[in-house]
């Protein structure tokens, strides 16, 4: 595929949304055609599944299956066609989030997640993943100041978010060429400088 696929990951409160918007504008200023999207979501059906996933209590395996069902639609209808057209896709969360939240946070076995990953996307993976990392206590402070109602993942305990963070860092250690860790406790300007340097090598 001629385009590039960049994903942003991190625990809730890490500031992904702020930096995603900046990154999209930065890439467009470089002359790239950029699709901005998110998971779960990105298509009409996947957005309906997102509403369920972020609000309705459900069995862990149901949660994982719905996440990957939404992802399959997203890949088929948005991500793959855009990449084939030579466009860049910047996505708020992707499969690493499933390993972090359903795996690390909720305790679903990595073997089951890996099976779903292979079934839904084969050997397809992002060209670059930016992992925004910061201590969970700082992330919790940021979430307390949110001007909106928190979803059921954001309302989870500090222990849950600590497990999610640990799973993200383990994933980064296993895929060092793809996943670049960003110190999300830095200033916005410092983070943007890091992003510019990283993007220049994609």
N, C-alpha and C. Protein backbone atom coordinates (compact mmCIF):
# COMPACT_ATOMS: atom_id res chain seq x y z
N UNK A 1 0.84 -1.19 0.00
CA UNK A 1 0.00 0.00 0.00
C UNK A 1 0.88 1.25 0.00
N UNK A 2 0.47 2.26 -0.76
CA UNK A 2 1.30 3.44 -0.96
C UNK A 2 1.24 4.43 0.19
N UNK A 3 0.14 4.43 0.96
CA UNK A 3 -0.01 5.38 2.04
C UNK A 3 0.72 4.94 3.30
N UNK A 4 0.52 5.69 4.37
CA UNK A 4 1.13 5.38 5.67
C UNK A 4 0.03 5.36 6.73
N UNK A 5 0.17 4.42 7.67
CA UNK A 5 -0.83 4.25 8.73
C UNK A 5 -0.16 4.53 10.07
N UNK A 6 -0.60 5.60 10.74
CA UNK A 6 -0.03 6.01 12.02
C UNK A 6 -1.12 5.91 13.09
N UNK A 7 -0.80 5.27 14.20
CA UNK A 7 -1.77 5.16 15.30
C UNK A 7 -1.23 5.85 16.54
N UNK A 8 -2.15 6.36 17.35
CA UNK A 8 -1.81 6.99 18.61
C UNK A 8 -2.44 6.17 19.73
N UNK A 9 -1.63 5.86 20.73
CA UNK A 9 -2.09 5.03 21.85
C UNK A 9 -1.71 5.67 23.18
N UNK A 10 -2.30 5.15 24.25
CA UNK A 10 -1.97 5.63 25.58
C UNK A 10 -3.14 5.48 26.52
N UNK A 11 -2.85 5.55 27.81
CA UNK A 11 -3.92 5.45 28.79
C UNK A 11 -4.80 6.70 28.70
N UNK A 12 -6.00 6.61 29.23
CA UNK A 12 -6.90 7.75 29.24
C UNK A 12 -6.27 8.89 30.04
N UNK A 13 -6.32 10.09 29.46
CA UNK A 13 -5.71 11.23 30.12
C UNK A 13 -4.33 11.55 29.63
N UNK A 14 -3.83 10.78 28.66
CA UNK A 14 -2.46 10.99 28.16
C UNK A 14 -2.35 12.13 27.15
N UNK A 15 -3.47 12.66 26.70
CA UNK A 15 -3.43 13.79 25.78
C UNK A 15 -3.39 13.44 24.32
N UNK A 16 -3.80 12.22 23.97
CA UNK A 16 -3.75 11.79 22.57
C UNK A 16 -4.54 12.70 21.64
N UNK A 17 -5.74 13.07 22.06
CA UNK A 17 -6.63 13.83 21.18
C UNK A 17 -6.01 15.16 20.78
N UNK A 18 -5.40 15.85 21.74
CA UNK A 18 -4.74 17.13 21.45
C UNK A 18 -3.65 16.94 20.41
N UNK A 19 -2.82 15.93 20.60
CA UNK A 19 -1.69 15.74 19.71
C UNK A 19 -2.11 15.13 18.37
N UNK A 20 -3.20 14.37 18.36
CA UNK A 20 -3.69 13.83 17.10
C UNK A 20 -4.11 14.97 16.17
N UNK A 21 -4.87 15.93 16.71
CA UNK A 21 -5.32 17.06 15.88
C UNK A 21 -4.13 17.84 15.34
N UNK A 22 -3.11 18.06 16.17
CA UNK A 22 -1.93 18.79 15.73
C UNK A 22 -1.18 18.00 14.65
N UNK A 23 -1.05 16.69 14.85
CA UNK A 23 -0.31 15.85 13.91
C UNK A 23 -0.98 15.83 12.54
N UNK A 24 -2.30 15.74 12.52
CA UNK A 24 -3.03 15.74 11.25
C UNK A 24 -2.76 17.04 10.50
N UNK A 25 -2.83 18.17 11.20
CA UNK A 25 -2.58 19.45 10.54
C UNK A 25 -1.13 19.58 10.09
N UNK A 26 -0.21 19.06 10.89
CA UNK A 26 1.21 19.09 10.52
C UNK A 26 1.45 18.31 9.24
N UNK A 27 0.88 17.10 9.14
CA UNK A 27 1.06 16.28 7.94
C UNK A 27 0.43 16.94 6.72
N UNK A 28 -0.74 17.54 6.90
CA UNK A 28 -1.38 18.22 5.78
C UNK A 28 -0.54 19.40 5.30
N UNK A 29 0.10 20.07 6.25
CA UNK A 29 0.98 21.18 5.88
C UNK A 29 2.19 20.71 5.09
N UNK A 30 2.54 19.42 5.25
CA UNK A 30 3.64 18.82 4.49
C UNK A 30 3.19 18.31 3.13
N UNK A 31 1.93 18.54 2.80
CA UNK A 31 1.41 18.14 1.50
C UNK A 31 0.78 16.77 1.46
N UNK A 32 0.59 16.14 2.62
CA UNK A 32 -0.02 14.80 2.65
C UNK A 32 -1.55 14.91 2.64
N UNK A 33 -2.19 13.95 2.00
CA UNK A 33 -3.64 13.80 2.12
C UNK A 33 -3.88 12.89 3.32
N UNK A 34 -4.58 13.38 4.32
CA UNK A 34 -4.67 12.68 5.60
C UNK A 34 -6.12 12.38 5.97
N UNK A 35 -6.37 11.15 6.37
CA UNK A 35 -7.65 10.74 6.93
C UNK A 35 -7.48 10.64 8.45
N UNK A 36 -8.30 11.35 9.19
CA UNK A 36 -8.29 11.25 10.65
C UNK A 36 -9.45 10.38 11.10
N UNK A 37 -9.16 9.38 11.94
CA UNK A 37 -10.21 8.45 12.35
C UNK A 37 -9.95 7.94 13.75
N UNK A 38 -10.78 7.02 14.24
CA UNK A 38 -10.63 6.55 15.62
C UNK A 38 -11.18 5.15 15.77
N UNK A 39 -10.78 4.51 16.89
CA UNK A 39 -11.32 3.20 17.25
C UNK A 39 -11.69 3.17 18.73
N UNK A 40 -12.75 2.43 19.08
CA UNK A 40 -13.69 1.86 18.11
C UNK A 40 -14.44 2.99 17.41
N UNK A 41 -14.76 2.77 16.14
CA UNK A 41 -15.46 3.77 15.37
C UNK A 41 -14.92 3.85 13.96
N UNK A 42 -15.15 4.99 13.33
CA UNK A 42 -14.60 5.23 12.00
C UNK A 42 -15.55 4.98 10.85
N UNK A 43 -16.60 4.18 11.06
CA UNK A 43 -17.65 3.96 10.07
C UNK A 43 -18.98 4.07 10.80
N UNK A 44 -20.09 4.25 10.07
CA UNK A 44 -21.39 4.33 10.75
C UNK A 44 -21.67 3.13 11.66
N UNK A 45 -21.40 1.92 11.15
CA UNK A 45 -21.65 0.74 11.97
C UNK A 45 -20.69 0.69 13.16
N UNK A 46 -19.42 0.96 12.92
CA UNK A 46 -18.43 0.91 14.00
C UNK A 46 -18.70 1.96 15.06
N UNK A 47 -19.25 3.11 14.66
CA UNK A 47 -19.61 4.13 15.65
C UNK A 47 -20.78 3.67 16.52
N UNK A 48 -21.70 2.92 15.94
CA UNK A 48 -22.81 2.36 16.74
C UNK A 48 -22.28 1.34 17.73
N UNK A 49 -21.32 0.53 17.29
CA UNK A 49 -20.69 -0.42 18.21
C UNK A 49 -19.91 0.31 19.29
N UNK A 50 -19.30 1.45 18.94
CA UNK A 50 -18.57 2.25 19.92
C UNK A 50 -19.51 2.69 21.06
N UNK A 51 -20.69 3.13 20.68
CA UNK A 51 -21.65 3.58 21.70
C UNK A 51 -21.94 2.47 22.70
N UNK A 52 -22.10 1.26 22.21
CA UNK A 52 -22.34 0.11 23.09
C UNK A 52 -21.12 -0.18 23.95
N UNK A 53 -19.96 -0.21 23.31
CA UNK A 53 -18.73 -0.59 24.01
C UNK A 53 -18.36 0.39 25.12
N UNK A 54 -18.64 1.67 24.92
CA UNK A 54 -18.24 2.67 25.91
C UNK A 54 -19.28 2.90 26.99
N UNK A 55 -20.47 2.29 26.83
CA UNK A 55 -21.53 2.58 27.81
C UNK A 55 -22.16 1.35 28.44
N UNK A 56 -22.21 0.24 27.73
CA UNK A 56 -22.95 -0.92 28.22
C UNK A 56 -22.04 -1.96 28.87
N UNK A 57 -22.36 -2.40 30.10
CA UNK A 57 -21.61 -3.51 30.70
C UNK A 57 -21.80 -4.77 29.86
N UNK A 58 -20.73 -5.57 29.73
CA UNK A 58 -20.83 -6.79 28.93
C UNK A 58 -19.72 -7.75 29.33
N UNK A 59 -19.88 -9.00 28.92
CA UNK A 59 -18.86 -10.00 29.18
C UNK A 59 -17.57 -9.61 28.48
N UNK A 60 -16.45 -9.93 29.10
CA UNK A 60 -15.14 -9.56 28.56
C UNK A 60 -14.95 -10.05 27.12
N UNK A 61 -15.32 -11.29 26.84
CA UNK A 61 -15.11 -11.82 25.49
C UNK A 61 -16.04 -11.15 24.49
N UNK A 62 -17.25 -10.79 24.93
CA UNK A 62 -18.16 -10.02 24.07
C UNK A 62 -17.51 -8.69 23.72
N UNK A 63 -16.93 -8.05 24.73
CA UNK A 63 -16.25 -6.77 24.53
C UNK A 63 -15.14 -6.89 23.49
N UNK A 64 -14.31 -7.90 23.63
CA UNK A 64 -13.20 -8.10 22.70
C UNK A 64 -13.70 -8.38 21.29
N UNK A 65 -14.72 -9.23 21.18
CA UNK A 65 -15.25 -9.58 19.86
C UNK A 65 -15.86 -8.36 19.17
N UNK A 66 -16.57 -7.53 19.93
CA UNK A 66 -17.16 -6.33 19.34
C UNK A 66 -16.08 -5.33 18.91
N UNK A 67 -15.02 -5.23 19.71
CA UNK A 67 -13.91 -4.35 19.33
C UNK A 67 -13.33 -4.78 17.99
N UNK A 68 -13.10 -6.07 17.82
CA UNK A 68 -12.51 -6.54 16.57
C UNK A 68 -13.52 -6.53 15.42
N UNK A 69 -14.81 -6.69 15.72
CA UNK A 69 -15.83 -6.57 14.67
C UNK A 69 -15.85 -5.14 14.13
N UNK A 70 -15.81 -4.16 15.04
CA UNK A 70 -15.75 -2.76 14.63
C UNK A 70 -14.48 -2.49 13.83
N UNK A 71 -13.38 -3.11 14.25
CA UNK A 71 -12.09 -2.92 13.57
C UNK A 71 -12.13 -3.48 12.15
N UNK A 72 -12.76 -4.62 11.97
CA UNK A 72 -12.82 -5.20 10.62
C UNK A 72 -13.56 -4.27 9.66
N UNK A 73 -14.70 -3.72 10.10
CA UNK A 73 -15.43 -2.77 9.28
C UNK A 73 -14.57 -1.55 8.95
N UNK A 74 -13.89 -1.07 9.95
CA UNK A 74 -13.03 0.10 9.82
C UNK A 74 -11.93 -0.14 8.79
N UNK A 75 -11.28 -1.28 8.88
CA UNK A 75 -10.23 -1.63 7.93
C UNK A 75 -10.78 -1.71 6.51
N UNK A 76 -11.86 -2.43 6.37
CA UNK A 76 -12.41 -2.72 5.04
C UNK A 76 -12.95 -1.47 4.34
N UNK A 77 -13.58 -0.59 5.12
CA UNK A 77 -14.29 0.53 4.51
C UNK A 77 -13.54 1.86 4.54
N UNK A 78 -12.56 1.98 5.45
CA UNK A 78 -11.87 3.27 5.59
C UNK A 78 -10.36 3.13 5.43
N UNK A 79 -9.73 2.33 6.28
CA UNK A 79 -8.27 2.33 6.38
C UNK A 79 -7.61 1.78 5.12
N UNK A 80 -7.97 0.55 4.75
CA UNK A 80 -7.32 -0.05 3.58
C UNK A 80 -7.57 0.73 2.28
N UNK A 81 -8.82 1.15 1.99
CA UNK A 81 -9.03 1.94 0.76
C UNK A 81 -8.21 3.23 0.73
N UNK A 82 -8.10 3.92 1.88
CA UNK A 82 -7.33 5.17 1.93
C UNK A 82 -5.85 4.89 1.67
N UNK A 83 -5.31 3.85 2.27
CA UNK A 83 -3.90 3.52 2.07
C UNK A 83 -3.63 3.14 0.62
N UNK A 84 -4.55 2.42 0.01
CA UNK A 84 -4.38 2.04 -1.39
C UNK A 84 -4.40 3.26 -2.31
N UNK A 85 -5.11 4.32 -1.89
CA UNK A 85 -5.13 5.56 -2.67
C UNK A 85 -3.87 6.40 -2.42
N UNK A 86 -3.01 5.93 -1.54
CA UNK A 86 -1.79 6.68 -1.25
C UNK A 86 -1.94 7.72 -0.17
N UNK A 87 -3.07 7.68 0.56
CA UNK A 87 -3.31 8.66 1.61
C UNK A 87 -2.69 8.19 2.93
N UNK A 88 -2.52 9.12 3.85
CA UNK A 88 -2.06 8.81 5.19
C UNK A 88 -3.26 8.69 6.11
N UNK A 89 -3.27 7.69 6.96
CA UNK A 89 -4.35 7.51 7.92
C UNK A 89 -3.78 7.67 9.33
N UNK A 90 -4.37 8.57 10.09
CA UNK A 90 -3.96 8.80 11.48
C UNK A 90 -5.14 8.39 12.35
N UNK A 91 -4.91 7.40 13.21
CA UNK A 91 -6.01 6.77 13.94
C UNK A 91 -5.79 6.84 15.46
N UNK A 92 -6.81 7.28 16.17
CA UNK A 92 -6.82 7.31 17.62
C UNK A 92 -7.16 5.91 18.11
N UNK A 93 -6.14 5.15 18.49
CA UNK A 93 -6.19 3.76 18.96
C UNK A 93 -6.35 2.77 17.81
N UNK A 94 -5.79 1.56 18.03
CA UNK A 94 -5.93 0.45 17.10
C UNK A 94 -5.74 -0.83 17.91
N UNK A 95 -5.17 -1.86 17.35
CA UNK A 95 -5.12 -3.17 18.01
C UNK A 95 -4.29 -3.16 19.29
N UNK A 96 -3.27 -2.32 19.37
CA UNK A 96 -2.51 -2.26 20.63
C UNK A 96 -3.43 -1.95 21.81
N UNK A 97 -4.47 -1.17 21.57
CA UNK A 97 -5.41 -0.84 22.64
C UNK A 97 -6.16 -2.08 23.13
N UNK A 98 -6.43 -3.01 22.23
CA UNK A 98 -7.12 -4.25 22.65
C UNK A 98 -6.22 -5.07 23.57
N UNK A 99 -4.94 -5.14 23.22
CA UNK A 99 -4.00 -5.87 24.09
C UNK A 99 -3.83 -5.15 25.42
N UNK A 100 -3.92 -3.82 25.41
CA UNK A 100 -3.76 -3.06 26.65
C UNK A 100 -5.01 -3.10 27.53
N UNK A 101 -6.17 -2.85 26.94
CA UNK A 101 -7.40 -2.73 27.73
C UNK A 101 -8.07 -4.07 28.00
N UNK A 102 -8.39 -4.81 26.92
CA UNK A 102 -9.01 -6.12 27.15
C UNK A 102 -8.01 -7.12 27.71
N UNK A 103 -6.75 -7.01 27.29
CA UNK A 103 -5.71 -7.91 27.79
C UNK A 103 -5.19 -7.49 29.14
N UNK A 104 -4.40 -6.42 29.17
CA UNK A 104 -3.81 -5.97 30.43
C UNK A 104 -4.82 -5.55 31.46
N UNK A 105 -5.76 -4.71 31.06
CA UNK A 105 -6.73 -4.19 32.02
C UNK A 105 -7.71 -5.21 32.52
N UNK A 106 -8.31 -5.95 31.59
CA UNK A 106 -9.39 -6.89 31.97
C UNK A 106 -8.92 -8.32 32.16
N UNK A 107 -7.75 -8.66 31.62
CA UNK A 107 -7.21 -9.99 31.86
C UNK A 107 -7.50 -11.04 30.81
N UNK A 108 -7.98 -10.63 29.62
CA UNK A 108 -8.18 -11.60 28.55
C UNK A 108 -6.82 -12.11 28.08
N UNK A 109 -6.71 -13.40 27.86
CA UNK A 109 -5.44 -14.01 27.47
C UNK A 109 -4.93 -13.44 26.15
N UNK A 110 -3.64 -13.15 26.11
CA UNK A 110 -3.02 -12.63 24.89
C UNK A 110 -3.21 -13.57 23.71
N UNK A 111 -3.28 -14.88 23.99
CA UNK A 111 -3.45 -15.86 22.91
C UNK A 111 -4.77 -15.63 22.18
N UNK A 112 -5.82 -15.31 22.91
CA UNK A 112 -7.12 -15.06 22.28
C UNK A 112 -7.09 -13.78 21.48
N UNK A 113 -6.45 -12.75 22.02
CA UNK A 113 -6.34 -11.50 21.29
C UNK A 113 -5.49 -11.67 20.04
N UNK A 114 -4.42 -12.42 20.13
CA UNK A 114 -3.56 -12.66 18.98
C UNK A 114 -4.31 -13.42 17.88
N UNK A 115 -5.18 -14.34 18.29
CA UNK A 115 -5.99 -15.08 17.32
C UNK A 115 -6.94 -14.13 16.59
N UNK A 116 -7.60 -13.25 17.34
CA UNK A 116 -8.49 -12.28 16.72
C UNK A 116 -7.72 -11.32 15.81
N UNK A 117 -6.54 -10.92 16.25
CA UNK A 117 -5.70 -10.03 15.45
C UNK A 117 -5.38 -10.66 14.10
N UNK A 118 -4.97 -11.93 14.11
CA UNK A 118 -4.62 -12.61 12.86
C UNK A 118 -5.85 -12.79 11.98
N UNK A 119 -6.98 -13.12 12.58
CA UNK A 119 -8.21 -13.37 11.84
C UNK A 119 -8.69 -12.08 11.16
N UNK A 120 -8.70 -10.98 11.89
CA UNK A 120 -9.29 -9.73 11.41
C UNK A 120 -8.36 -8.96 10.48
N UNK A 121 -7.06 -8.95 10.77
CA UNK A 121 -6.17 -8.10 9.99
C UNK A 121 -4.98 -8.81 9.38
N UNK A 122 -4.85 -10.11 9.56
CA UNK A 122 -3.72 -10.84 8.99
C UNK A 122 -2.41 -10.32 9.54
N UNK A 123 -1.46 -10.03 8.67
CA UNK A 123 -0.18 -9.51 9.13
C UNK A 123 -0.12 -7.98 9.02
N UNK A 124 -1.27 -7.35 8.77
CA UNK A 124 -1.31 -5.89 8.66
C UNK A 124 -1.09 -5.23 10.02
N UNK A 125 -0.26 -4.20 10.05
CA UNK A 125 0.01 -3.46 11.28
C UNK A 125 0.32 -2.01 10.92
N UNK A 126 0.23 -1.09 11.87
CA UNK A 126 0.58 0.30 11.59
C UNK A 126 2.04 0.43 11.16
N UNK A 127 2.31 1.46 10.36
CA UNK A 127 3.70 1.78 10.01
C UNK A 127 4.41 2.40 11.21
N UNK A 128 3.65 3.11 12.03
CA UNK A 128 4.21 3.78 13.19
C UNK A 128 3.13 3.91 14.25
N UNK A 129 3.49 3.63 15.50
CA UNK A 129 2.58 3.83 16.63
C UNK A 129 3.25 4.75 17.63
N UNK A 130 2.54 5.81 17.99
CA UNK A 130 3.02 6.78 18.97
C UNK A 130 2.33 6.49 20.29
N UNK A 131 3.09 6.04 21.27
CA UNK A 131 2.54 5.67 22.58
C UNK A 131 2.79 6.81 23.56
N UNK A 132 1.73 7.50 23.94
CA UNK A 132 1.82 8.60 24.89
C UNK A 132 1.75 8.02 26.30
N UNK A 133 2.87 8.12 27.00
CA UNK A 133 2.98 7.48 28.30
C UNK A 133 3.17 8.52 29.40
N UNK A 134 2.47 8.30 30.52
CA UNK A 134 2.66 9.14 31.70
C UNK A 134 2.15 8.40 32.91
N UNK A 135 2.57 8.80 34.13
CA UNK A 135 2.11 8.13 35.34
C UNK A 135 0.59 8.18 35.47
N UNK A 136 0.02 7.11 35.99
CA UNK A 136 -1.45 7.03 36.05
C UNK A 136 -2.03 8.09 36.98
N UNK A 137 -1.29 8.49 38.01
CA UNK A 137 -1.81 9.51 38.92
C UNK A 137 -1.99 10.85 38.18
N UNK A 138 -1.03 11.18 37.33
CA UNK A 138 -1.14 12.41 36.54
C UNK A 138 -2.27 12.31 35.53
N UNK A 139 -2.41 11.15 34.91
CA UNK A 139 -3.51 10.94 33.97
C UNK A 139 -4.86 11.10 34.67
N UNK A 140 -4.96 10.56 35.90
CA UNK A 140 -6.21 10.66 36.66
C UNK A 140 -6.54 12.11 36.98
N UNK A 141 -5.52 12.89 37.32
CA UNK A 141 -5.74 14.31 37.59
C UNK A 141 -6.29 15.03 36.35
N UNK A 142 -5.74 14.70 35.22
CA UNK A 142 -6.21 15.32 33.98
C UNK A 142 -7.65 14.93 33.69
N UNK A 143 -7.99 13.67 33.93
CA UNK A 143 -9.36 13.21 33.66
C UNK A 143 -10.37 13.88 34.58
N UNK A 144 -9.96 14.21 35.80
CA UNK A 144 -10.87 14.87 36.73
C UNK A 144 -11.31 16.23 36.22
N UNK A 145 -10.46 16.83 35.40
CA UNK A 145 -10.80 18.14 34.86
C UNK A 145 -11.53 18.08 33.54
N UNK A 146 -11.92 16.88 33.10
CA UNK A 146 -12.60 16.74 31.81
C UNK A 146 -13.96 17.43 31.85
N UNK A 147 -14.29 18.11 30.75
CA UNK A 147 -15.55 18.85 30.68
C UNK A 147 -16.66 18.02 30.05
N UNK A 148 -16.60 16.72 30.23
CA UNK A 148 -17.63 15.82 29.67
C UNK A 148 -17.78 14.63 30.59
N UNK A 149 -18.85 13.87 30.37
CA UNK A 149 -19.06 12.66 31.15
C UNK A 149 -18.04 11.60 30.73
N UNK A 150 -17.48 10.89 31.70
CA UNK A 150 -16.49 9.87 31.40
C UNK A 150 -17.17 8.57 30.98
N UNK A 151 -16.54 7.83 30.04
CA UNK A 151 -17.10 6.55 29.62
C UNK A 151 -16.70 5.46 30.63
N UNK A 152 -17.17 4.24 30.40
CA UNK A 152 -16.97 3.20 31.41
C UNK A 152 -15.51 2.76 31.54
N UNK A 153 -14.71 2.97 30.51
CA UNK A 153 -13.28 2.67 30.62
C UNK A 153 -12.58 3.75 31.43
N UNK A 154 -12.92 4.99 31.15
CA UNK A 154 -12.30 6.11 31.86
C UNK A 154 -12.65 6.10 33.35
N UNK A 155 -13.79 5.52 33.70
CA UNK A 155 -14.21 5.47 35.11
C UNK A 155 -13.59 4.32 35.89
N UNK A 156 -12.78 3.49 35.23
CA UNK A 156 -12.18 2.34 35.91
C UNK A 156 -11.19 2.79 37.00
N UNK A 157 -10.80 1.84 37.83
CA UNK A 157 -9.93 2.12 38.97
C UNK A 157 -8.50 2.44 38.53
N UNK A 158 -7.73 3.02 39.45
CA UNK A 158 -6.31 3.27 39.17
C UNK A 158 -5.57 1.97 38.90
N UNK A 159 -5.92 0.91 39.61
CA UNK A 159 -5.27 -0.39 39.39
C UNK A 159 -5.49 -0.87 37.95
N UNK A 160 -6.71 -0.68 37.46
CA UNK A 160 -7.02 -1.06 36.08
C UNK A 160 -6.12 -0.28 35.12
N UNK A 161 -6.03 1.02 35.30
CA UNK A 161 -5.23 1.84 34.39
C UNK A 161 -3.74 1.55 34.53
N UNK A 162 -3.32 1.14 35.73
CA UNK A 162 -1.92 0.73 35.91
C UNK A 162 -1.63 -0.52 35.09
N UNK A 163 -2.57 -1.46 35.07
CA UNK A 163 -2.38 -2.67 34.26
C UNK A 163 -2.39 -2.35 32.77
N UNK A 164 -3.25 -1.42 32.37
CA UNK A 164 -3.28 -1.00 30.97
C UNK A 164 -1.95 -0.38 30.57
N UNK A 165 -1.44 0.50 31.42
CA UNK A 165 -0.16 1.14 31.12
C UNK A 165 0.96 0.09 31.01
N UNK A 166 0.99 -0.85 31.94
CA UNK A 166 2.02 -1.89 31.91
C UNK A 166 1.93 -2.72 30.63
N UNK A 167 0.71 -3.01 30.19
CA UNK A 167 0.53 -3.78 28.97
C UNK A 167 1.00 -2.99 27.75
N UNK A 168 0.72 -1.71 27.73
CA UNK A 168 1.21 -0.87 26.64
C UNK A 168 2.74 -0.88 26.57
N UNK A 169 3.38 -0.73 27.73
CA UNK A 169 4.84 -0.68 27.76
C UNK A 169 5.44 -2.04 27.36
N UNK A 170 4.77 -3.12 27.74
CA UNK A 170 5.23 -4.45 27.33
C UNK A 170 5.09 -4.61 25.81
N UNK A 171 4.01 -4.10 25.28
CA UNK A 171 3.79 -4.16 23.82
C UNK A 171 4.88 -3.36 23.10
N UNK A 172 5.23 -2.19 23.66
CA UNK A 172 6.27 -1.36 23.06
C UNK A 172 7.62 -2.07 23.10
N UNK A 173 7.89 -2.76 24.19
CA UNK A 173 9.15 -3.50 24.30
C UNK A 173 9.21 -4.64 23.28
N UNK A 174 8.05 -5.22 22.96
CA UNK A 174 8.01 -6.32 22.00
C UNK A 174 8.06 -5.85 20.55
N UNK A 175 7.72 -4.58 20.31
CA UNK A 175 7.70 -4.04 18.94
C UNK A 175 8.43 -2.69 18.91
N UNK A 176 9.70 -2.66 19.24
CA UNK A 176 10.42 -1.38 19.37
C UNK A 176 10.58 -0.61 18.06
N UNK A 177 10.59 -1.30 16.94
CA UNK A 177 10.77 -0.60 15.66
C UNK A 177 9.50 0.15 15.26
N UNK A 178 8.35 -0.33 15.71
CA UNK A 178 7.08 0.30 15.33
C UNK A 178 6.57 1.27 16.39
N UNK A 179 6.69 0.92 17.65
CA UNK A 179 6.08 1.71 18.72
C UNK A 179 7.12 2.64 19.33
N UNK A 180 6.87 3.93 19.24
CA UNK A 180 7.75 4.95 19.81
C UNK A 180 7.08 5.55 21.03
N UNK A 181 7.77 5.54 22.16
CA UNK A 181 7.19 6.05 23.40
C UNK A 181 7.43 7.55 23.51
N UNK A 182 6.35 8.29 23.77
CA UNK A 182 6.40 9.73 23.95
C UNK A 182 6.15 10.03 25.43
N UNK A 183 7.00 10.84 26.04
CA UNK A 183 6.80 11.24 27.43
C UNK A 183 5.70 12.29 27.46
N UNK A 184 4.49 11.85 27.81
CA UNK A 184 3.32 12.73 27.76
C UNK A 184 3.24 13.70 28.93
N UNK A 185 4.21 13.63 29.85
CA UNK A 185 4.24 14.59 30.95
C UNK A 185 4.98 15.87 30.54
N UNK A 186 5.61 15.85 29.36
CA UNK A 186 6.31 17.03 28.86
C UNK A 186 5.32 18.10 28.41
N UNK A 187 5.83 19.29 28.13
CA UNK A 187 4.98 20.36 27.62
C UNK A 187 4.51 20.02 26.21
N UNK A 188 3.44 20.69 25.79
CA UNK A 188 2.92 20.47 24.45
C UNK A 188 3.98 20.78 23.40
N UNK A 189 4.73 21.84 23.61
CA UNK A 189 5.76 22.23 22.64
C UNK A 189 6.86 21.16 22.55
N UNK A 190 7.26 20.61 23.70
CA UNK A 190 8.30 19.58 23.70
C UNK A 190 7.81 18.32 23.00
N UNK A 191 6.55 17.98 23.24
CA UNK A 191 6.00 16.78 22.59
C UNK A 191 5.91 16.98 21.09
N UNK A 192 5.48 18.15 20.66
CA UNK A 192 5.39 18.41 19.22
C UNK A 192 6.76 18.33 18.55
N UNK A 193 7.79 18.78 19.24
CA UNK A 193 9.14 18.66 18.69
C UNK A 193 9.53 17.20 18.53
N UNK A 194 9.20 16.37 19.55
CA UNK A 194 9.47 14.93 19.45
C UNK A 194 8.74 14.34 18.25
N UNK A 195 7.48 14.73 18.07
CA UNK A 195 6.68 14.18 16.99
C UNK A 195 7.25 14.56 15.62
N UNK A 196 7.68 15.79 15.48
CA UNK A 196 8.29 16.21 14.21
C UNK A 196 9.50 15.36 13.87
N UNK A 197 10.34 15.10 14.87
CA UNK A 197 11.55 14.30 14.64
C UNK A 197 11.20 12.87 14.25
N UNK A 198 10.20 12.30 14.91
CA UNK A 198 9.81 10.92 14.63
C UNK A 198 9.17 10.81 13.24
N UNK A 199 8.26 11.74 12.93
CA UNK A 199 7.55 11.69 11.66
C UNK A 199 8.50 11.85 10.48
N UNK A 200 9.57 12.59 10.68
CA UNK A 200 10.51 12.82 9.57
C UNK A 200 11.20 11.54 9.13
N UNK A 201 11.14 10.49 9.97
CA UNK A 201 11.80 9.23 9.63
C UNK A 201 10.84 8.18 9.09
N UNK A 202 9.55 8.53 8.98
CA UNK A 202 8.56 7.54 8.51
C UNK A 202 8.65 7.40 7.00
